[in-house]
Amino acid sequence: MLIDQLDFASMYQQHMQQAQRTRKEPEHWDKKAQQMAQTCANPQDPYLICFRELIDFSDAKTLLDVGCGPGSVCLSLANHFTSVIGIDYSQGMLDAAQERANALNIHNAHFEQLAWEDSWENLPKVDIAVASRSTLVDDLKAALLKLNQQANLRVYTTHTVNPTFIDENIIREIGREVIRLPTYIYAVNILHQLGINARVDFINSPDKGGFDSFDAFVDSVNWSLKNLTSEETDKLRKYYDKRIASGQRIPYPSRSWAMVSWDVVDEECLKV
């Protein structure tokens, strides 16, 4: 089988099903909103700085931020636009974003509770649409088409580079199955099959060194894998002690992202 015979949109959906990735309800993100407003929305965050540097603002006056969370991206870009709109399905995230906008004295930002799956027909078209770290959806092709339809000029999306959020060796060490998630390469190939030639840039996470304590290591693993058992924690302790004793550091998990961006293509020119 040749690559042109592959249906990457269907392959993506099959991959998501095999990964048993379940959609988190809005209440899950409501509880994390205030914490994420502190950890993910710092304008000096290396990710946000690099994100801004990769955007072409030429002739753009309006912005849509899909899956905006606490306004990390749209508020950091607000001074480049006359109007920015942030949408998210978590009201808690939107409340946090509005609080931040008020604190930053940003008056050109508007927020609405909408999900990827909802109708966006009441949203105005914008010059630039972005979806930052919010693209692990059930139907990626539909999401990419929706972004292309909503923008006049350009679209910017970021996707995972690595298939897991934690070192696979650590997952195997505690006896869990390694579940690999779809990465950015699906977006590139789906767009190509739609007739869109995407650009790919990489936002690499800075080297934060290694964990300075076992507690910090366990917290990080539990954040990614959830519900660690006492037996799994014991295995992590042995793994941690063995590495430290041999002079090997345990690095923080890589949080590298691929920015997949493109110039908007007219709907009649798409190969849907």
C-alpha atoms as a PDB file:
ATOM      1  CA  MET A   1       0.000   0.000   0.000  1.00  0.00           C
ATOM      2  CA  LEU A   2       1.286   3.452  -0.944  1.00  0.00           C
ATOM      3  CA  ILE A   3       1.036   6.476   1.309  1.00  0.00           C
ATOM      4  CA  ASP A   4      -1.582   8.148  -0.908  1.00  0.00           C
ATOM      5  CA  GLN A   5      -3.857   5.168  -0.337  1.00  0.00           C
ATOM      6  CA  LEU A   6      -3.872   5.662   3.421  1.00  0.00           C
ATOM      7  CA  ASP A   7      -6.790   7.434   5.092  1.00  0.00           C
ATOM      8  CA  PHE A   8      -5.017   9.349   7.844  1.00  0.00           C
ATOM      9  CA  ALA A   9      -8.249  10.782   9.258  1.00  0.00           C
ATOM     10  CA  SER A  10      -9.611   7.280   9.889  1.00  0.00           C
ATOM     11  CA  MET A  11      -6.238   6.064  11.159  1.00  0.00           C
ATOM     12  CA  TYR A  12      -6.216   8.899  13.684  1.00  0.00           C
ATOM     13  CA  GLN A  13      -9.660   7.932  14.967  1.00  0.00           C
ATOM     14  CA  GLN A  14      -8.635   4.284  15.245  1.00  0.00           C
ATOM     15  CA  HIS A  15      -5.497   5.311  17.125  1.00  0.00           C
ATOM     16  CA  MET A  16      -7.557   7.335  19.602  1.00  0.00           C
ATOM     17  CA  GLN A  17      -9.889   4.404  20.155  1.00  0.00           C
ATOM     18  CA  GLN A  18      -6.993   2.009  20.738  1.00  0.00           C
ATOM     19  CA  ALA A  19      -5.436   4.471  23.178  1.00  0.00           C
ATOM     20  CA  GLN A  20      -8.727   4.398  25.108  1.00  0.00           C
ATOM     21  CA  ARG A  21      -8.528   8.146  25.439  1.00  0.00           C
ATOM     22  CA  THR A  22     -11.747   9.317  27.072  1.00  0.00           C
ATOM     23  CA  ARG A  23     -13.078  12.841  26.839  1.00  0.00           C
ATOM     24  CA  LYS A  24     -12.743  14.639  30.165  1.00  0.00           C
ATOM     25  CA  GLU A  25     -15.891  16.371  31.271  1.00  0.00           C
ATOM     26  CA  PRO A  26     -15.880  20.172  31.748  1.00  0.00           C
ATOM     27  CA  GLU A  27     -16.008  19.707  35.527  1.00  0.00           C
ATOM     28  CA  HIS A  28     -12.545  18.106  35.405  1.00  0.00           C
ATOM     29  CA  TRP A  29     -11.088  21.273  33.912  1.00  0.00           C
ATOM     30  CA  ASP A  30     -13.200  23.532  36.125  1.00  0.00           C
ATOM     31  CA  LYS A  31     -11.278  22.172  39.108  1.00  0.00           C
ATOM     32  CA  LYS A  32      -7.911  22.811  37.438  1.00  0.00           C
ATOM     33  CA  ALA A  33      -8.680  26.315  36.197  1.00  0.00           C
ATOM     34  CA  GLN A  34      -7.101  28.368  38.960  1.00  0.00           C
ATOM     35  CA  GLN A  35      -3.997  26.177  39.096  1.00  0.00           C
ATOM     36  CA  MET A  36      -3.533  26.365  35.327  1.00  0.00           C
ATOM     37  CA  ALA A  37      -3.990  30.127  35.426  1.00  0.00           C
ATOM     38  CA  GLN A  38      -0.860  30.172  37.577  1.00  0.00           C
ATOM     39  CA  THR A  39       1.224  27.502  35.804  1.00  0.00           C
ATOM     40  CA  CYS A  40       0.317  27.891  32.107  1.00  0.00           C
ATOM     41  CA  ALA A  41      -0.558  31.543  31.618  1.00  0.00           C
ATOM     42  CA  ASN A  42       2.663  33.328  32.553  1.00  0.00           C
ATOM     43  CA  PRO A  43       3.444  35.616  29.557  1.00  0.00           C
ATOM     44  CA  GLN A  44       7.147  34.857  30.076  1.00  0.00           C
ATOM     45  CA  ASP A  45       6.591  31.122  29.771  1.00  0.00           C
ATOM     46  CA  PRO A  46       9.030  29.818  27.100  1.00  0.00           C
ATOM     47  CA  TYR A  47       6.192  28.066  25.278  1.00  0.00           C
ATOM     48  CA  LEU A  48       4.136  31.259  24.972  1.00  0.00           C
ATOM     49  CA  ILE A  49       7.167  33.302  23.926  1.00  0.00           C
ATOM     50  CA  CYS A  50       7.988  30.846  21.143  1.00  0.00           C
ATOM     51  CA  PHE A  51       4.325  30.612  20.129  1.00  0.00           C
ATOM     52  CA  ARG A  52       4.173  34.404  19.693  1.00  0.00           C
ATOM     53  CA  GLU A  53       7.408  34.462  17.699  1.00  0.00           C
ATOM     54  CA  LEU A  54       6.054  31.939  15.191  1.00  0.00           C
ATOM     55  CA  ILE A  55       2.883  33.875  14.366  1.00  0.00           C
ATOM     56  CA  ASP A  56       2.590  36.149  11.341  1.00  0.00           C
ATOM     57  CA  PHE A  57       0.370  39.045  12.460  1.00  0.00           C
ATOM     58  CA  SER A  58       0.335  40.746   9.038  1.00  0.00           C
ATOM     59  CA  ASP A  59      -3.050  42.297   8.169  1.00  0.00           C
ATOM     60  CA  ALA A  60      -4.699  40.489  11.092  1.00  0.00           C
ATOM     61  CA  LYS A  61      -7.083  42.327  13.396  1.00  0.00           C
ATOM     62  CA  THR A  62      -9.113  39.521  14.980  1.00  0.00           C
ATOM     63  CA  LEU A  63      -8.232  36.244  16.708  1.00  0.00           C
ATOM     64  CA  LEU A  64     -10.075  33.090  17.791  1.00  0.00           C
ATOM     65  CA  ASP A  65      -8.476  30.883  20.467  1.00  0.00           C
ATOM     66  CA  VAL A  66     -10.073  27.412  20.564  1.00  0.00           C
ATOM     67  CA  GLY A  67      -9.734  25.540  23.842  1.00  0.00           C
ATOM     68  CA  CYS A  68      -8.424  28.744  25.350  1.00  0.00           C
ATOM     69  CA  GLY A  69      -8.260  27.488  28.949  1.00  0.00           C
ATOM     70  CA  PRO A  70      -7.372  30.386  31.279  1.00  0.00           C
ATOM     71  CA  GLY A  71      -6.556  32.603  28.295  1.00  0.00           C
ATOM     72  CA  SER A  72      -2.902  31.615  28.103  1.00  0.00           C
ATOM     73  CA  VAL A  73      -2.518  32.360  24.395  1.00  0.00           C
ATOM     74  CA  CYS A  74      -5.264  34.838  23.534  1.00  0.00           C
ATOM     75  CA  LEU A  75      -4.448  37.202  26.405  1.00  0.00           C
ATOM     76  CA  SER A  76      -0.727  37.079  25.665  1.00  0.00           C
ATOM     77  CA  LEU A  77      -1.547  38.087  22.062  1.00  0.00           C
ATOM     78  CA  ALA A  78      -4.376  40.545  22.791  1.00  0.00           C
ATOM     79  CA  ASN A  79      -2.304  43.669  22.186  1.00  0.00           C
ATOM     80  CA  HIS A  80      -1.759  42.597  18.551  1.00  0.00           C
ATOM     81  CA  PHE A  81      -5.488  42.586  17.738  1.00  0.00           C
ATOM     82  CA  THR A  82      -8.522  44.821  17.970  1.00  0.00           C
ATOM     83  CA  SER A  83     -10.583  41.854  19.156  1.00  0.00           C
ATOM     84  CA  VAL A  84      -9.862  38.367  20.502  1.00  0.00           C
ATOM     85  CA  ILE A  85     -12.345  35.599  21.254  1.00  0.00           C
ATOM     86  CA  GLY A  86     -11.585  32.647  23.488  1.00  0.00           C
ATOM     87  CA  ILE A  87     -13.809  29.563  23.547  1.00  0.00           C
ATOM     88  CA  ASP A  88     -13.671  26.576  25.873  1.00  0.00           C
ATOM     89  CA  TYR A  89     -16.149  24.008  27.140  1.00  0.00           C
ATOM     90  CA  SER A  90     -15.069  24.594  30.749  1.00  0.00           C
ATOM     91  CA  GLN A  91     -16.842  27.523  32.380  1.00  0.00           C
ATOM     92  CA  GLY A  92     -14.259  27.452  35.153  1.00  0.00           C
ATOM     93  CA  MET A  93     -11.510  28.068  32.605  1.00  0.00           C
ATOM     94  CA  LEU A  94     -13.472  30.907  31.039  1.00  0.00           C
ATOM     95  CA  ASP A  95     -14.042  32.493  34.453  1.00  0.00           C
ATOM     96  CA  ALA A  96     -10.295  32.301  35.138  1.00  0.00           C
ATOM     97  CA  ALA A  97      -9.573  33.823  31.727  1.00  0.00           C
ATOM     98  CA  GLN A  98     -11.969  36.712  32.371  1.00  0.00           C
ATOM     99  CA  GLU A  99     -10.446  37.322  35.797  1.00  0.00           C
ATOM    100  CA  ARG A 100      -7.000  37.487  34.221  1.00  0.00           C
ATOM    101  CA  ALA A 101      -8.244  39.829  31.495  1.00  0.00           C
ATOM    102  CA  ASN A 102      -9.675  42.151  34.142  1.00  0.00           C
ATOM    103  CA  ALA A 103      -6.470  42.048  36.182  1.00  0.00           C
ATOM    104  CA  LEU A 104      -4.380  42.786  33.075  1.00  0.00           C
ATOM    105  CA  ASN A 105      -6.716  45.618  32.034  1.00  0.00           C
ATOM    106  CA  ILE A 106      -7.419  43.883  28.727  1.00  0.00           C
ATOM    107  CA  HIS A 107     -10.760  45.047  27.323  1.00  0.00           C
ATOM    108  CA  ASN A 108     -10.743  43.589  23.813  1.00  0.00           C
ATOM    109  CA  ALA A 109     -11.146  39.950  24.900  1.00  0.00           C
ATOM    110  CA  HIS A 110     -14.445  38.083  24.845  1.00  0.00           C
ATOM    111  CA  PHE A 111     -15.070  34.529  26.071  1.00  0.00           C
ATOM    112  CA  GLU A 112     -17.778  32.014  25.195  1.00  0.00           C
ATOM    113  CA  GLN A 113     -18.530  28.500  26.411  1.00  0.00           C
ATOM    114  CA  LEU A 114     -18.271  26.354  23.293  1.00  0.00           C
ATOM    115  CA  ALA A 115     -16.753  22.948  22.590  1.00  0.00           C
ATOM    116  CA  TRP A 116     -15.102  21.621  19.446  1.00  0.00           C
ATOM    117  CA  GLU A 117     -18.248  19.616  18.735  1.00  0.00           C
ATOM    118  CA  ASP A 118     -20.652  22.542  19.134  1.00  0.00           C
ATOM    119  CA  SER A 119     -21.914  24.693  16.300  1.00  0.00           C
ATOM    120  CA  TRP A 120     -19.777  27.785  15.768  1.00  0.00           C
ATOM    121  CA  GLU A 121     -22.199  29.403  13.353  1.00  0.00           C
ATOM    122  CA  ASN A 122     -22.829  32.312  15.724  1.00  0.00           C
ATOM    123  CA  LEU A 123     -19.114  33.066  16.054  1.00  0.00           C
ATOM    124  CA  PRO A 124     -17.786  35.777  13.751  1.00  0.00           C
ATOM    125  CA  LYS A 125     -15.095  34.815  11.266  1.00  0.00           C
ATOM    126  CA  VAL A 126     -11.648  35.961  12.357  1.00  0.00           C
ATOM    127  CA  ASP A 127      -8.353  36.675  10.646  1.00  0.00           C
ATOM    128  CA  ILE A 128      -6.336  34.168  12.672  1.00  0.00           C
ATOM    129  CA  ALA A 129      -7.513  31.030  14.483  1.00  0.00           C
ATOM    130  CA  VAL A 130      -5.335  29.218  17.001  1.00  0.00           C
ATOM    131  CA  ALA A 131      -5.703  25.964  18.908  1.00  0.00           C
ATOM    132  CA  SER A 132      -2.915  25.651  21.444  1.00  0.00           C
ATOM    133  CA  ARG A 133      -2.423  22.288  23.163  1.00  0.00           C
ATOM    134  CA  SER A 134      -6.120  21.547  22.646  1.00  0.00           C
ATOM    135  CA  THR A 135      -6.047  19.382  19.527  1.00  0.00           C
ATOM    136  CA  LEU A 136      -6.263  15.864  21.012  1.00  0.00           C
ATOM    137  CA  VAL A 137      -9.857  15.561  19.827  1.00  0.00           C
ATOM    138  CA  ASP A 138     -11.950  12.596  18.689  1.00  0.00           C
ATOM    139  CA  ASP A 139     -12.159  13.724  15.055  1.00  0.00           C
ATOM    140  CA  LEU A 140      -9.050  15.645  14.031  1.00  0.00           C
ATOM    141  CA  LYS A 141     -10.051  16.131  10.398  1.00  0.00           C
ATOM    142  CA  ALA A 142     -13.318  17.783  11.408  1.00  0.00           C
ATOM    143  CA  ALA A 143     -11.462  20.027  13.876  1.00  0.00           C
ATOM    144  CA  LEU A 144      -8.901  21.147  11.288  1.00  0.00           C
ATOM    145  CA  LEU A 145     -11.621  21.870   8.736  1.00  0.00           C
ATOM    146  CA  LYS A 146     -13.534  23.868  11.324  1.00  0.00           C
ATOM    147  CA  LEU A 147     -10.495  26.041  12.047  1.00  0.00           C
ATOM    148  CA  ASN A 148      -9.847  26.591   8.341  1.00  0.00           C
ATOM    149  CA  GLN A 149     -13.481  27.605   7.840  1.00  0.00           C
ATOM    150  CA  GLN A 150     -13.476  30.030  10.771  1.00  0.00           C
ATOM    151  CA  ALA A 151     -10.382  31.995   9.723  1.00  0.00           C
ATOM    152  CA  ASN A 152      -9.743  34.442   6.902  1.00  0.00           C
ATOM    153  CA  LEU A 153      -5.945  34.400   6.801  1.00  0.00           C
ATOM    154  CA  ARG A 154      -4.045  31.861   8.861  1.00  0.00           C
ATOM    155  CA  VAL A 155      -4.396  28.995  11.347  1.00  0.00           C
ATOM    156  CA  TYR A 156      -1.937  27.921  14.055  1.00  0.00           C
ATOM    157  CA  THR A 157      -2.262  24.659  15.993  1.00  0.00           C
ATOM    158  CA  THR A 158       0.045  22.825  18.365  1.00  0.00           C
ATOM    159  CA  HIS A 159       0.223  19.070  18.833  1.00  0.00           C
ATOM    160  CA  THR A 160       2.290  16.642  20.859  1.00  0.00           C
ATOM    161  CA  VAL A 161       5.649  15.535  19.500  1.00  0.00           C
ATOM    162  CA  ASN A 162       6.048  12.517  21.773  1.00  0.00           C
ATOM    163  CA  PRO A 163       3.370   9.786  21.963  1.00  0.00           C
ATOM    164  CA  THR A 164       3.504   9.692  25.775  1.00  0.00           C
ATOM    165  CA  PHE A 165       3.765  12.420  28.382  1.00  0.00           C
ATOM    166  CA  ILE A 166       6.260  10.413  30.396  1.00  0.00           C
ATOM    167  CA  ASP A 167       9.336   8.266  29.726  1.00  0.00           C
ATOM    168  CA  GLU A 168       8.123   4.892  28.441  1.00  0.00           C
ATOM    169  CA  ASN A 169      10.804   3.136  30.510  1.00  0.00           C
ATOM    170  CA  ILE A 170       9.177   4.463  33.685  1.00  0.00           C
ATOM    171  CA  ILE A 171       5.771   3.203  32.574  1.00  0.00           C
ATOM    172  CA  ARG A 172       7.191  -0.257  31.949  1.00  0.00           C
ATOM    173  CA  GLU A 173       9.107  -0.146  35.243  1.00  0.00           C
ATOM    174  CA  ILE A 174       5.882  -0.058  37.238  1.00  0.00           C
ATOM    175  CA  GLY A 175       4.264  -2.729  35.077  1.00  0.00           C
ATOM    176  CA  ARG A 176       1.729  -0.642  33.215  1.00  0.00           C
ATOM    177  CA  GLU A 177       0.953  -0.914  29.531  1.00  0.00           C
ATOM    178  CA  VAL A 178       2.492   1.830  27.410  1.00  0.00           C
ATOM    179  CA  ILE A 179      -0.341   3.709  25.723  1.00  0.00           C
ATOM    180  CA  ARG A 180       0.855   5.875  22.858  1.00  0.00           C
ATOM    181  CA  LEU A 181      -1.252   8.814  21.752  1.00  0.00           C
ATOM    182  CA  PRO A 182      -1.446  10.277  18.235  1.00  0.00           C
ATOM    183  CA  THR A 183       1.167  12.936  17.487  1.00  0.00           C
ATOM    184  CA  TYR A 184       1.425  15.946  15.183  1.00  0.00           C
ATOM    185  CA  ILE A 185       2.237  13.807  12.155  1.00  0.00           C
ATOM    186  CA  TYR A 186      -1.441  12.948  11.752  1.00  0.00           C
ATOM    187  CA  ALA A 187      -2.349  16.630  11.426  1.00  0.00           C
ATOM    188  CA  VAL A 188       0.320  17.175   8.759  1.00  0.00           C
ATOM    189  CA  ASN A 189      -0.875  14.223   6.704  1.00  0.00           C
ATOM    190  CA  ILE A 190      -4.590  14.955   7.098  1.00  0.00           C
ATOM    191  CA  LEU A 191      -4.012  18.526   5.957  1.00  0.00           C
ATOM    192  CA  HIS A 192      -1.944  17.290   3.005  1.00  0.00           C
ATOM    193  CA  GLN A 193      -4.775  15.001   1.930  1.00  0.00           C
ATOM    194  CA  LEU A 194      -7.148  17.965   2.169  1.00  0.00           C
ATOM    195  CA  GLY A 195      -4.934  19.909  -0.223  1.00  0.00           C
ATOM    196  CA  ILE A 196      -3.342  22.088   2.463  1.00  0.00           C
ATOM    197  CA  ASN A 197       0.447  22.365   2.628  1.00  0.00           C
ATOM    198  CA  ALA A 198       1.195  22.943   6.288  1.00  0.00           C
ATOM    199  CA  ARG A 199       4.289  24.417   7.896  1.00  0.00           C
ATOM    200  CA  VAL A 200       5.807  22.622  10.879  1.00  0.00           C
ATOM    201  CA  ASP A 201       7.851  24.310  13.599  1.00  0.00           C
ATOM    202  CA  PHE A 202       8.872  22.923  16.945  1.00  0.00           C
ATOM    203  CA  ILE A 203       8.511  24.437  20.393  1.00  0.00           C
ATOM    204  CA  ASN A 204      10.986  22.545  22.529  1.00  0.00           C
ATOM    205  CA  SER A 205      10.696  22.591  26.277  1.00  0.00           C
ATOM    206  CA  PRO A 206      13.761  23.934  28.097  1.00  0.00           C
ATOM    207  CA  ASP A 207      15.962  21.495  29.987  1.00  0.00           C
ATOM    208  CA  LYS A 208      14.846  21.816  33.598  1.00  0.00           C
ATOM    209  CA  GLY A 209      17.468  19.422  34.864  1.00  0.00           C
ATOM    210  CA  GLY A 210      16.455  16.446  36.966  1.00  0.00           C
ATOM    211  CA  PHE A 211      14.134  15.810  39.875  1.00  0.00           C
ATOM    212  CA  ASP A 212      15.645  16.957  43.154  1.00  0.00           C
ATOM    213  CA  SER A 213      13.505  14.682  45.333  1.00  0.00           C
ATOM    214  CA  PHE A 214      11.599  11.434  45.176  1.00  0.00           C
ATOM    215  CA  ASP A 215       8.355  13.177  46.151  1.00  0.00           C
ATOM    216  CA  ALA A 216       8.628  15.520  43.171  1.00  0.00           C
ATOM    217  CA  PHE A 217       9.303  12.540  40.903  1.00  0.00           C
ATOM    218  CA  VAL A 218       6.272  10.622  42.174  1.00  0.00           C
ATOM    219  CA  ASP A 219       4.023  13.672  41.860  1.00  0.00           C
ATOM    220  CA  SER A 220       5.085  14.101  38.242  1.00  0.00           C
ATOM    221  CA  VAL A 221       4.464  10.455  37.378  1.00  0.00           C
ATOM    222  CA  ASN A 222       1.106  10.472  39.138  1.00  0.00           C
ATOM    223  CA  TRP A 223       0.087  13.629  37.258  1.00  0.00           C
ATOM    224  CA  SER A 224       0.614  11.797  33.974  1.00  0.00           C
ATOM    225  CA  LEU A 225      -0.564   8.281  34.846  1.00  0.00           C
ATOM    226  CA  LYS A 226      -3.069   8.938  37.660  1.00  0.00           C
ATOM    227  CA  ASN A 227      -3.991   6.746  40.629  1.00  0.00           C
ATOM    228  CA  LEU A 228      -0.609   5.232  41.419  1.00  0.00           C
ATOM    229  CA  THR A 229      -0.895   2.261  43.765  1.00  0.00           C
ATOM    230  CA  SER A 230       1.346   1.692  46.765  1.00  0.00           C
ATOM    231  CA  GLU A 231       2.988  -1.182  44.878  1.00  0.00           C
ATOM    232  CA  GLU A 232       3.707   1.068  41.912  1.00  0.00           C
ATOM    233  CA  THR A 233       5.082   3.738  44.230  1.00  0.00           C
ATOM    234  CA  ASP A 234       7.434   1.168  45.751  1.00  0.00           C
ATOM    235  CA  LYS A 235       8.680   0.250  42.275  1.00  0.00           C
ATOM    236  CA  LEU A 236       9.258   3.913  41.513  1.00  0.00           C
ATOM    237  CA  ARG A 237      11.253   4.248  44.749  1.00  0.00           C
ATOM    238  CA  LYS A 238      13.550   1.387  43.689  1.00  0.00           C
ATOM    239  CA  TYR A 239      13.910   2.882  40.210  1.00  0.00           C
ATOM    240  CA  TYR A 240      14.666   6.331  41.637  1.00  0.00           C
ATOM    241  CA  ASP A 241      17.198   5.069  44.209  1.00  0.00           C
ATOM    242  CA  LYS A 242      18.975   2.919  41.610  1.00  0.00           C
ATOM    243  CA  ARG A 243      19.341   5.823  39.184  1.00  0.00           C
ATOM    244  CA  ILE A 244      20.543   8.262  41.834  1.00  0.00           C
ATOM    245  CA  ALA A 245      23.011   5.747  43.259  1.00  0.00           C
ATOM    246  CA  SER A 246      24.543   5.261  39.805  1.00  0.00           C
ATOM    247  CA  GLY A 247      24.863   9.024  39.322  1.00  0.00           C
ATOM    248  CA  GLN A 248      22.131   9.213  36.671  1.00  0.00           C
ATOM    249  CA  ARG A 249      19.609  11.992  36.887  1.00  0.00           C
ATOM    250  CA  ILE A 250      15.929  11.494  36.111  1.00  0.00           C
ATOM    251  CA  PRO A 251      15.019  14.361  33.778  1.00  0.00           C
ATOM    252  CA  TYR A 252      11.700  16.124  33.835  1.00  0.00           C
ATOM    253  CA  PRO A 253       9.302  14.829  31.153  1.00  0.00           C
ATOM    254  CA  SER A 254       9.696  16.514  27.768  1.00  0.00           C
ATOM    255  CA  ARG A 255       6.883  18.897  26.935  1.00  0.00           C
ATOM    256  CA  SER A 256       7.837  19.575  23.338  1.00  0.00           C
ATOM    257  CA  TRP A 257       5.173  20.613  20.844  1.00  0.00           C
ATOM    258  CA  ALA A 258       4.865  20.867  17.082  1.00  0.00           C
ATOM    259  CA  MET A 259       3.233  23.962  15.650  1.00  0.00           C
ATOM    260  CA  VAL A 260       1.329  22.984  12.525  1.00  0.00           C
ATOM    261  CA  SER A 261       0.178  26.106  10.691  1.00  0.00           C
ATOM    262  CA  TRP A 262      -1.188  27.032   7.297  1.00  0.00           C
ATOM    263  CA  ASP A 263      -2.628  29.774   5.147  1.00  0.00           C
ATOM    264  CA  VAL A 264      -6.383  29.421   4.891  1.00  0.00           C
ATOM    265  CA  VAL A 265      -7.594  27.550   1.807  1.00  0.00           C
ATOM    266  CA  ASP A 266     -10.970  28.348   0.255  1.00  0.00           C
ATOM    267  CA  GLU A 267     -13.544  25.667   0.932  1.00  0.00           C
ATOM    268  CA  GLU A 268     -14.160  24.974  -2.759  1.00  0.00           C
ATOM    269  CA  CYS A 269     -10.443  24.204  -3.207  1.00  0.00           C
ATOM    270  CA  LEU A 270     -10.300  21.607  -0.443  1.00  0.00           C
ATOM    271  CA  LYS A 271     -10.144  17.896  -1.211  1.00  0.00           C
ATOM    272  CA  VAL A 272     -12.737  16.886   1.376  1.00  0.00           C
END
